Amino acid sequence: MKLVTAVIAIVAFLVAGCGISTTKPHGVGPPARGVPQVGAVPDRARLFFVSLDGVQAVSRPADESLDPGRAVALLLEGPTEAERRQGFSTALTDVAGRVGVDTGDGRVTFTLPFDAGRVPVEAIHQLTCTAANARVPGGRPVADVDIDFRELGKPGVWGPLHCNVAGYYARPEGGRSPGGLPG
């Protein structure tokens, strides 16, 4: 009988809820959403810098979604002090402030004031992926944005180059690409 009374007392204690009161649901913010389209998040700029692991994206706060010209201007300023402490650098020191950026429907054209063969491959990669990840007219996905390079005062362009999801650029079909790469 004592055993039955003890079991009933334990069950009664457990059923009482152990002191946890009932509450109603509380709001915790907006519902979760999918991954935003590149360029659709107005407060981030995606810039590409050199690290020990190759060229990598760095996300930086911005007041609004940046067009390729503004994104490249930020890129040409180089990594911030915090980014440098994380091991990021730039291969664009020789072209800083001297790159023209023109945009069209799904296309960005860079104009360099000297022989593009002198520009390091990493610098071409930085420019290509930074521009493709900006707000390019036409709304194309990053991998479909055509990036061309030309030399000031010379006919023709090299490209198109593309930045894929991993952030690497592809060599153009035929011709030669900037940075001394064979096409």
Protein backbone atom coordinates (compact mmCIF):
# COMPACT_ATOMS: atom_id res chain seq x y z
CA MET A 1 0.00 0.00 0.00
CA LYS A 2 2.86 2.39 0.80
CA LEU A 3 4.34 1.62 -2.60
CA VAL A 4 1.07 2.47 -4.36
CA THR A 5 0.81 5.74 -2.41
CA ALA A 6 4.39 6.67 -3.34
CA VAL A 7 3.77 5.95 -7.05
CA ILE A 8 0.57 8.04 -6.99
CA ALA A 9 2.46 10.92 -5.33
CA ILE A 10 5.22 10.80 -7.97
CA VAL A 11 2.71 10.66 -10.83
CA ALA A 12 0.75 13.57 -9.31
CA PHE A 13 3.97 15.58 -9.06
CA LEU A 14 4.88 14.88 -12.71
CA VAL A 15 1.39 15.68 -13.95
CA ALA A 16 1.49 19.01 -12.13
CA GLY A 17 4.06 20.17 -14.75
CA CYS A 18 7.07 20.58 -12.46
CA GLY A 19 6.38 24.27 -11.97
CA ILE A 20 6.44 25.26 -15.67
CA SER A 21 3.60 27.62 -16.39
CA THR A 22 1.78 27.77 -19.68
CA THR A 23 2.64 30.63 -22.02
CA LYS A 24 1.42 31.82 -25.36
CA PRO A 25 3.70 32.05 -28.41
CA HIS A 26 5.91 35.13 -28.60
CA GLY A 27 6.93 36.85 -31.83
CA VAL A 28 10.64 36.62 -32.60
CA GLY A 29 10.86 38.46 -35.92
CA PRO A 30 9.99 37.88 -39.54
CA PRO A 31 9.80 34.35 -40.94
CA ALA A 32 12.92 32.77 -42.41
CA ARG A 33 13.54 33.42 -46.10
CA GLY A 34 15.61 31.77 -48.80
CA VAL A 35 19.03 32.89 -49.92
CA PRO A 36 18.75 36.40 -51.41
CA GLN A 37 19.74 37.06 -55.01
CA VAL A 38 23.14 38.72 -55.35
CA GLY A 39 22.66 42.47 -55.59
CA ALA A 40 19.22 42.23 -53.95
CA VAL A 41 20.48 42.84 -50.42
CA PRO A 42 20.80 46.62 -50.28
CA ASP A 43 23.14 46.81 -47.32
CA ARG A 44 26.05 44.57 -48.43
CA ALA A 45 28.79 44.89 -51.03
CA ARG A 46 30.54 41.73 -52.20
CA LEU A 47 34.19 42.53 -52.94
CA PHE A 48 36.88 40.06 -53.93
CA PHE A 49 40.35 40.14 -52.35
CA VAL A 50 43.43 37.91 -52.42
CA SER A 51 44.10 35.54 -49.52
CA LEU A 52 46.39 32.57 -48.94
CA ASP A 53 43.54 30.42 -50.31
CA GLY A 54 43.20 32.41 -53.55
CA VAL A 55 40.74 35.15 -54.44
CA GLN A 56 37.80 35.21 -52.02
CA ALA A 57 34.68 37.28 -51.43
CA VAL A 58 34.42 39.72 -48.55
CA SER A 59 31.03 41.08 -47.56
CA ARG A 60 31.09 44.72 -46.55
CA PRO A 61 28.27 47.02 -45.32
CA ALA A 62 26.96 49.54 -47.86
CA ASP A 63 24.21 52.15 -47.76
CA GLU A 64 22.54 50.69 -50.83
CA SER A 65 22.97 48.09 -53.55
CA LEU A 66 26.08 49.12 -55.49
CA ASP A 67 26.44 49.33 -59.25
CA PRO A 68 29.69 47.90 -60.70
CA GLY A 69 31.42 51.29 -60.83
CA ARG A 70 30.84 51.98 -57.13
CA ALA A 71 31.68 48.38 -56.13
CA VAL A 72 34.96 48.53 -58.08
CA ALA A 73 35.77 51.94 -56.54
CA LEU A 74 35.46 50.31 -53.09
CA LEU A 75 37.56 47.37 -54.27
CA LEU A 76 40.30 49.69 -55.54
CA GLU A 77 40.53 51.31 -52.10
CA GLY A 78 41.85 47.92 -50.94
CA PRO A 79 40.99 45.84 -47.91
CA THR A 80 40.11 47.53 -44.63
CA GLU A 81 42.40 47.18 -41.63
CA ALA A 82 40.15 44.41 -40.23
CA GLU A 83 40.24 42.60 -43.59
CA ARG A 84 44.05 42.89 -43.70
CA ARG A 85 44.25 41.36 -40.21
CA GLN A 86 42.21 38.43 -41.57
CA GLY A 87 44.84 37.92 -44.29
CA PHE A 88 43.25 39.73 -47.25
CA SER A 89 45.29 41.81 -49.69
CA THR A 90 44.90 43.06 -53.25
CA ALA A 91 46.63 42.50 -56.56
CA LEU A 92 45.24 45.82 -57.83
CA THR A 93 47.85 48.22 -56.46
CA ASP A 94 49.14 49.12 -59.95
CA VAL A 95 45.67 49.89 -61.36
CA ALA A 96 44.05 51.66 -58.40
CA GLY A 97 42.21 54.78 -59.58
CA ARG A 98 42.97 54.12 -63.24
CA VAL A 99 40.25 51.68 -64.32
CA GLY A 100 37.25 52.81 -66.37
CA VAL A 101 33.97 50.95 -65.75
CA ASP A 102 31.11 50.99 -68.28
CA THR A 103 27.90 49.00 -67.93
CA GLY A 104 25.21 47.80 -70.30
CA ASP A 105 22.45 45.22 -70.22
CA GLY A 106 24.12 42.25 -68.49
CA ARG A 107 27.61 43.49 -69.37
CA VAL A 108 30.49 45.34 -67.70
CA THR A 109 33.47 46.65 -69.68
CA PHE A 110 36.70 47.66 -67.96
CA THR A 111 39.06 50.07 -69.71
CA LEU A 112 42.68 49.87 -68.61
CA PRO A 113 45.16 52.70 -69.32
CA PHE A 114 47.99 50.28 -70.21
CA ASP A 115 48.74 46.81 -71.58
CA ALA A 116 46.33 44.38 -69.92
CA GLY A 117 49.02 41.69 -70.12
CA ARG A 118 50.78 43.48 -67.25
CA VAL A 119 47.79 43.01 -64.92
CA PRO A 120 48.15 39.99 -62.60
CA VAL A 121 45.63 37.18 -63.07
CA GLU A 122 44.43 37.68 -59.48
CA ALA A 123 43.66 41.35 -60.26
CA ILE A 124 41.54 40.34 -63.27
CA HIS A 125 39.75 37.83 -61.04
CA GLN A 126 39.11 40.51 -58.39
CA LEU A 127 37.68 42.95 -60.93
CA THR A 128 35.60 40.32 -62.76
CA CYS A 129 33.87 38.86 -59.72
CA THR A 130 33.39 42.17 -57.90
CA ALA A 131 31.67 43.67 -60.96
CA ALA A 132 29.55 40.57 -61.63
CA ASN A 133 28.33 40.53 -58.01
CA ALA A 134 27.20 44.18 -58.14
CA ARG A 135 23.87 45.53 -59.44
CA VAL A 136 24.46 45.10 -63.18
CA PRO A 137 21.70 46.45 -65.47
CA GLY A 138 19.54 43.68 -66.92
CA GLY A 139 19.19 41.57 -63.77
CA ARG A 140 21.23 38.60 -65.02
CA PRO A 141 22.50 36.00 -62.54
CA VAL A 142 26.13 36.53 -61.51
CA ALA A 143 27.45 33.68 -63.68
CA ASP A 144 25.74 35.15 -66.79
CA VAL A 145 27.14 38.69 -66.51
CA ASP A 146 29.61 39.29 -69.36
CA ILE A 147 32.83 41.04 -68.30
CA ASP A 148 35.07 42.53 -71.01
CA PHE A 149 38.45 44.26 -70.83
CA ARG A 150 39.92 46.79 -73.25
CA GLU A 151 43.03 48.90 -73.39
CA LEU A 152 42.59 52.66 -73.67
CA GLY A 153 43.05 53.77 -77.28
CA LYS A 154 43.16 50.23 -78.73
CA PRO A 155 40.41 48.50 -80.71
CA GLY A 156 38.65 45.36 -79.54
CA VAL A 157 37.95 43.80 -76.19
CA TRP A 158 39.01 40.64 -74.36
CA GLY A 159 36.18 38.59 -73.02
CA PRO A 160 33.64 37.88 -72.04
CA LEU A 161 34.85 36.57 -68.71
CA HIS A 162 32.37 35.19 -66.17
CA CYS A 163 32.33 34.74 -62.41
CA ASN A 164 30.84 31.42 -61.36
CA VAL A 165 29.14 30.57 -58.05
CA ALA A 166 32.48 29.72 -56.41
CA GLY A 167 33.83 33.14 -57.43
CA TYR A 168 36.29 32.09 -60.11
CA TYR A 169 36.39 33.56 -63.57
CA ALA A 170 36.50 31.53 -66.75
CA ARG A 171 38.69 32.21 -69.74
CA PRO A 172 36.81 33.48 -72.77
CA GLU A 173 36.23 31.32 -75.83
CA GLY A 174 38.85 32.15 -78.47
CA GLY A 175 41.20 35.11 -78.52
CA ARG A 176 43.30 35.96 -75.50
CA SER A 177 42.20 37.24 -72.17
CA PRO A 178 43.79 39.96 -70.07
CA GLY A 179 46.45 39.10 -67.56
CA GLY A 180 48.52 37.28 -70.16
CA LEU A 181 46.30 34.16 -70.14
CA PRO A 182 45.99 32.33 -73.42
CA GLY A 183 42.35 32.12 -74.52
